[in-house]
């Protein structure tokens, strides 16, 4: 993860959250290929809609820091129904 500007202490909460989202999405990535499955991780049962929600949150935070998000754009555009369930507008 490469940040394109000087990081201040105000940026740390968002950057920590980005790191945690990335780690969690990696752990439950199985859901991207097996949408009807459930995954137990970190004491919670996760479904495909949860993965989409986490990806959206990552996208919104990461683009503010110049991180690569193009791989999320097409996928999230295809998942409008799930985003609407969570009352998330696209594009953000």
Protein backbone atom coordinates (compact mmCIF):
# COMPACT_ATOMS: atom_id res chain seq x y z
CA UNK A 1 0.00 0.00 0.00
CA UNK A 2 1.64 3.23 -1.16
CA UNK A 3 0.30 6.61 -0.03
CA UNK A 4 0.90 9.52 -2.40
CA UNK A 5 1.26 12.32 0.17
CA UNK A 6 2.45 13.07 3.69
CA UNK A 7 0.43 11.28 6.33
CA UNK A 8 -0.60 13.16 9.45
CA UNK A 9 -2.02 11.86 12.70
CA UNK A 10 -5.48 12.82 11.41
CA UNK A 11 -5.08 10.22 8.66
CA UNK A 12 -4.17 7.33 10.94
CA UNK A 13 -7.70 6.15 11.88
CA UNK A 14 -8.71 5.90 8.23
CA UNK A 15 -5.44 4.22 7.22
CA UNK A 16 -5.74 1.70 10.05
CA UNK A 17 -9.31 0.97 8.97
CA UNK A 18 -8.16 0.49 5.36
CA UNK A 19 -5.59 -2.04 6.53
CA UNK A 20 -8.13 -3.91 8.64
CA UNK A 21 -10.66 -3.96 5.79
CA UNK A 22 -8.06 -5.32 3.40
CA UNK A 23 -7.08 -8.04 5.86
CA UNK A 24 -10.69 -9.02 6.53
CA UNK A 25 -11.62 -9.05 2.84
CA UNK A 26 -8.66 -11.37 2.21
CA UNK A 27 -9.90 -13.73 4.93
CA UNK A 28 -13.42 -13.94 3.51
CA UNK A 29 -12.49 -13.72 -0.20
CA UNK A 30 -13.88 -17.25 -0.66
CA UNK A 31 -17.30 -15.60 -0.83
CA UNK A 32 -16.47 -13.83 -4.08
CA UNK A 33 -16.43 -17.16 -5.91
CA UNK A 34 -19.06 -18.93 -3.78
CA UNK A 35 -21.80 -16.36 -3.21
CA UNK A 36 -24.22 -18.66 -1.43
CA UNK A 37 -21.64 -19.86 1.12
CA UNK A 38 -21.09 -18.43 4.57
CA UNK A 39 -17.72 -17.92 6.25
CA UNK A 40 -17.04 -17.79 9.97
CA UNK A 41 -14.29 -15.28 10.73
CA UNK A 42 -13.46 -13.13 13.73
CA UNK A 43 -16.49 -14.39 15.64
CA UNK A 44 -19.02 -13.50 12.94
CA UNK A 45 -20.81 -15.33 10.16
CA UNK A 46 -20.13 -13.50 6.89
CA UNK A 47 -22.09 -13.68 3.62
CA UNK A 48 -21.46 -12.32 0.14
CA UNK A 49 -23.37 -9.09 0.85
CA UNK A 50 -21.00 -8.44 3.76
CA UNK A 51 -18.03 -8.78 1.41
CA UNK A 52 -19.60 -6.26 -0.97
CA UNK A 53 -20.25 -3.86 1.92
CA UNK A 54 -16.63 -4.14 3.12
CA UNK A 55 -15.37 -3.59 -0.43
CA UNK A 56 -17.49 -0.46 -0.73
CA UNK A 57 -16.14 0.89 2.56
CA UNK A 58 -12.59 0.13 1.43
CA UNK A 59 -13.23 1.82 -1.93
CA UNK A 60 -14.57 5.01 -0.32
CA UNK A 61 -11.64 5.29 2.10
CA UNK A 62 -8.86 4.15 -0.23
CA UNK A 63 -9.62 6.50 -3.10
CA UNK A 64 -9.13 9.46 -0.74
CA UNK A 65 -5.52 8.35 -0.30
CA UNK A 66 -4.71 7.68 -3.93
CA UNK A 67 -4.75 3.92 -3.48
CA UNK A 68 -5.64 1.71 -6.42
CA UNK A 69 -9.39 1.09 -6.48
CA UNK A 70 -10.07 0.42 -10.17
CA UNK A 71 -10.50 -3.30 -9.48
CA UNK A 72 -13.40 -2.49 -7.14
CA UNK A 73 -15.22 -0.13 -9.49
CA UNK A 74 -16.55 -2.63 -12.03
CA UNK A 75 -17.42 -5.19 -9.36
CA UNK A 76 -19.29 -2.70 -7.19
CA UNK A 77 -21.13 -1.27 -10.20
CA UNK A 78 -22.47 -4.78 -10.82
CA UNK A 79 -23.68 -5.10 -7.24
CA UNK A 80 -26.09 -2.14 -7.15
CA UNK A 81 -28.85 -4.19 -5.50
CA UNK A 82 -26.66 -5.08 -2.53
CA UNK A 83 -25.43 -1.50 -2.20
CA UNK A 84 -29.03 -0.27 -2.20
CA UNK A 85 -29.92 -2.75 0.57
CA UNK A 86 -27.27 -1.04 2.70
CA UNK A 87 -28.42 2.43 1.54
CA UNK A 88 -25.07 3.07 -0.15
CA UNK A 89 -25.07 5.35 -3.18
CA UNK A 90 -22.94 4.64 -6.23
CA UNK A 91 -20.77 6.33 -7.11
CA UNK A 92 -19.86 7.62 -3.66
